[in-house]
Amino acid sequence: EEITLDMYHKALRLQSCGELLAAEDILQILIEDNIPQLESQGGLPKTMSTIKYSCYVNLGSIALKKQKLQVALDNFLIASELDKTDVTLWYKIGTIALQL
């Protein structure tokens, strides 16, 4: 869990500095490798569920900045399945859907 958190924070720092590709790579590794590894060890703790959700939201935001609307929408929709209560996320989903 500690490695996953460190990687996530590194991705956030890179994203805030405008290094979108590097941030995107780290977020993809977290979703494809680290988080599934934790899930296979008996389920995700609450903090890791939040990280998983946040990874998808951040991937969607990166895609949006790169004008990849369908990719952004796909990531936001996956995030919405993990947390249906985020009204800001639903606003983004609706806005992108209208554009598409």
C-alpha atoms as a PDB file:
ATOM      1  CA  GLU A   1       0.000   0.000   0.000  1.00  0.00           C
ATOM      2  CA  GLU A   2       2.815   2.378   0.845  1.00  0.00           C
ATOM      3  CA  ILE A   3       4.423   1.941  -2.582  1.00  0.00           C
ATOM      4  CA  THR A   4       1.064   2.545  -4.259  1.00  0.00           C
ATOM      5  CA  LEU A   5       0.509   5.740  -2.257  1.00  0.00           C
ATOM      6  CA  ASP A   6       4.012   6.988  -3.059  1.00  0.00           C
ATOM      7  CA  MET A   7       3.497   6.331  -6.764  1.00  0.00           C
ATOM      8  CA  TYR A   8       0.110   8.063  -6.702  1.00  0.00           C
ATOM      9  CA  HIS A   9       1.557  11.158  -5.032  1.00  0.00           C
ATOM     10  CA  LYS A  10       4.377  11.219  -7.570  1.00  0.00           C
ATOM     11  CA  ALA A  11       1.809  11.101 -10.385  1.00  0.00           C
ATOM     12  CA  LEU A  12      -0.045  14.036  -8.829  1.00  0.00           C
ATOM     13  CA  ARG A  13       3.156  16.074  -8.582  1.00  0.00           C
ATOM     14  CA  LEU A  14       3.992  15.346 -12.207  1.00  0.00           C
ATOM     15  CA  GLN A  15       0.470  16.225 -13.309  1.00  0.00           C
ATOM     16  CA  SER A  16       0.569  19.538 -11.450  1.00  0.00           C
ATOM     17  CA  CYS A  17       3.897  20.360 -13.145  1.00  0.00           C
ATOM     18  CA  GLY A  18       2.369  19.693 -16.566  1.00  0.00           C
ATOM     19  CA  GLU A  19       4.214  16.425 -17.148  1.00  0.00           C
ATOM     20  CA  LEU A  20       1.063  14.690 -18.300  1.00  0.00           C
ATOM     21  CA  LEU A  21       2.620  11.706 -20.079  1.00  0.00           C
ATOM     22  CA  ALA A  22       4.736  10.717 -17.084  1.00  0.00           C
ATOM     23  CA  ALA A  23       1.764  11.131 -14.736  1.00  0.00           C
ATOM     24  CA  GLU A  24      -0.444   9.133 -17.078  1.00  0.00           C
ATOM     25  CA  ASP A  25       2.111   6.303 -17.220  1.00  0.00           C
ATOM     26  CA  ILE A  26       2.258   6.043 -13.436  1.00  0.00           C
ATOM     27  CA  LEU A  27      -1.521   6.109 -13.080  1.00  0.00           C
ATOM     28  CA  GLN A  28      -1.842   3.336 -15.678  1.00  0.00           C
ATOM     29  CA  ILE A  29       0.713   1.209 -13.813  1.00  0.00           C
ATOM     30  CA  LEU A  30      -1.247   1.698 -10.610  1.00  0.00           C
ATOM     31  CA  ILE A  31      -4.506   0.623 -12.243  1.00  0.00           C
ATOM     32  CA  GLU A  32      -3.061  -2.269 -14.233  1.00  0.00           C
ATOM     33  CA  ASP A  33      -0.520  -3.683 -11.763  1.00  0.00           C
ATOM     34  CA  ASN A  34      -0.414  -2.333  -8.221  1.00  0.00           C
ATOM     35  CA  ILE A  35      -4.108  -2.076  -7.393  1.00  0.00           C
ATOM     36  CA  PRO A  36      -5.058  -5.488  -8.883  1.00  0.00           C
ATOM     37  CA  GLN A  37      -2.205  -6.999  -6.876  1.00  0.00           C
ATOM     38  CA  LEU A  38      -3.684  -5.525  -3.698  1.00  0.00           C
ATOM     39  CA  GLU A  39      -7.195  -6.642  -4.703  1.00  0.00           C
ATOM     40  CA  SER A  40      -5.989 -10.216  -5.106  1.00  0.00           C
ATOM     41  CA  GLN A  41      -4.746 -10.215  -1.512  1.00  0.00           C
ATOM     42  CA  GLY A  42      -8.235 -10.174  -0.050  1.00  0.00           C
ATOM     43  CA  GLY A  43      -9.886  -7.018  -1.324  1.00  0.00           C
ATOM     44  CA  LEU A  44      -9.008  -3.346  -1.282  1.00  0.00           C
ATOM     45  CA  PRO A  45      -8.826  -1.309   1.908  1.00  0.00           C
ATOM     46  CA  LYS A  46     -10.888   1.908   1.835  1.00  0.00           C
ATOM     47  CA  THR A  47      -7.828   4.076   1.136  1.00  0.00           C
ATOM     48  CA  MET A  48      -6.890   1.978  -1.878  1.00  0.00           C
ATOM     49  CA  SER A  49     -10.462   2.099  -3.199  1.00  0.00           C
ATOM     50  CA  THR A  50     -10.212   5.874  -3.036  1.00  0.00           C
ATOM     51  CA  ILE A  51      -6.854   5.775  -4.850  1.00  0.00           C
ATOM     52  CA  LYS A  52      -8.348   3.571  -7.574  1.00  0.00           C
ATOM     53  CA  TYR A  53     -11.218   6.028  -8.036  1.00  0.00           C
ATOM     54  CA  SER A  54      -8.815   8.977  -8.047  1.00  0.00           C
ATOM     55  CA  CYS A  55      -6.569   7.324 -10.638  1.00  0.00           C
ATOM     56  CA  TYR A  56      -9.483   7.081 -13.066  1.00  0.00           C
ATOM     57  CA  VAL A  57     -10.552  10.667 -12.371  1.00  0.00           C
ATOM     58  CA  ASN A  58      -7.008  11.914 -12.958  1.00  0.00           C
ATOM     59  CA  LEU A  59      -6.638   9.852 -16.134  1.00  0.00           C
ATOM     60  CA  GLY A  60      -9.884  11.398 -17.330  1.00  0.00           C
ATOM     61  CA  SER A  61      -8.613  14.885 -16.515  1.00  0.00           C
ATOM     62  CA  ILE A  62      -5.360  14.258 -18.371  1.00  0.00           C
ATOM     63  CA  ALA A  63      -7.256  12.970 -21.406  1.00  0.00           C
ATOM     64  CA  LEU A  64      -9.492  16.044 -21.264  1.00  0.00           C
ATOM     65  CA  LYS A  65      -6.445  18.336 -21.300  1.00  0.00           C
ATOM     66  CA  LYS A  66      -5.179  16.418 -24.332  1.00  0.00           C
ATOM     67  CA  GLN A  67      -8.583  16.873 -26.043  1.00  0.00           C
ATOM     68  CA  LYS A  68      -9.201  13.104 -26.057  1.00  0.00           C
ATOM     69  CA  LEU A  69     -12.857  13.395 -25.164  1.00  0.00           C
ATOM     70  CA  GLN A  70     -13.842   9.736 -25.578  1.00  0.00           C
ATOM     71  CA  VAL A  71     -10.919   8.551 -23.438  1.00  0.00           C
ATOM     72  CA  ALA A  72     -11.815  11.146 -20.795  1.00  0.00           C
ATOM     73  CA  LEU A  73     -15.446  10.058 -20.821  1.00  0.00           C
ATOM     74  CA  ASP A  74     -14.493   6.377 -20.533  1.00  0.00           C
ATOM     75  CA  ASN A  75     -12.272   7.032 -17.507  1.00  0.00           C
ATOM     76  CA  PHE A  76     -14.854   9.256 -15.836  1.00  0.00           C
ATOM     77  CA  LEU A  77     -17.534   6.591 -16.352  1.00  0.00           C
ATOM     78  CA  ILE A  78     -15.336   3.947 -14.723  1.00  0.00           C
ATOM     79  CA  ALA A  79     -14.740   6.334 -11.816  1.00  0.00           C
ATOM     80  CA  SER A  80     -18.492   6.910 -11.521  1.00  0.00           C
ATOM     81  CA  GLU A  81     -18.999   3.174 -11.054  1.00  0.00           C
ATOM     82  CA  LEU A  82     -16.626   3.325  -8.085  1.00  0.00           C
ATOM     83  CA  ASP A  83     -18.285   6.390  -6.513  1.00  0.00           C
ATOM     84  CA  LYS A  84     -21.727   7.379  -7.712  1.00  0.00           C
ATOM     85  CA  THR A  85     -21.975  10.373  -5.341  1.00  0.00           C
ATOM     86  CA  ASP A  86     -19.477  12.805  -6.900  1.00  0.00           C
ATOM     87  CA  VAL A  87     -21.699  15.450  -8.516  1.00  0.00           C
ATOM     88  CA  THR A  88     -18.691  17.259 -10.019  1.00  0.00           C
ATOM     89  CA  LEU A  89     -17.767  14.077 -11.843  1.00  0.00           C
ATOM     90  CA  TRP A  90     -21.330  13.722 -13.170  1.00  0.00           C
ATOM     91  CA  TYR A  91     -21.175  17.307 -14.423  1.00  0.00           C
ATOM     92  CA  LYS A  92     -17.959  16.517 -16.324  1.00  0.00           C
ATOM     93  CA  ILE A  93     -19.527  13.362 -17.760  1.00  0.00           C
ATOM     94  CA  GLY A  94     -22.563  15.301 -18.965  1.00  0.00           C
ATOM     95  CA  THR A  95     -20.491  18.108 -20.442  1.00  0.00           C
ATOM     96  CA  ILE A  96     -18.248  15.713 -22.360  1.00  0.00           C
ATOM     97  CA  ALA A  97     -21.219  13.646 -23.533  1.00  0.00           C
ATOM     98  CA  LEU A  98     -22.817  16.778 -24.974  1.00  0.00           C
ATOM     99  CA  GLN A  99     -19.611  17.652 -26.796  1.00  0.00           C
ATOM    100  CA  LEU A 100     -19.371  14.180 -28.267  1.00  0.00           C
END
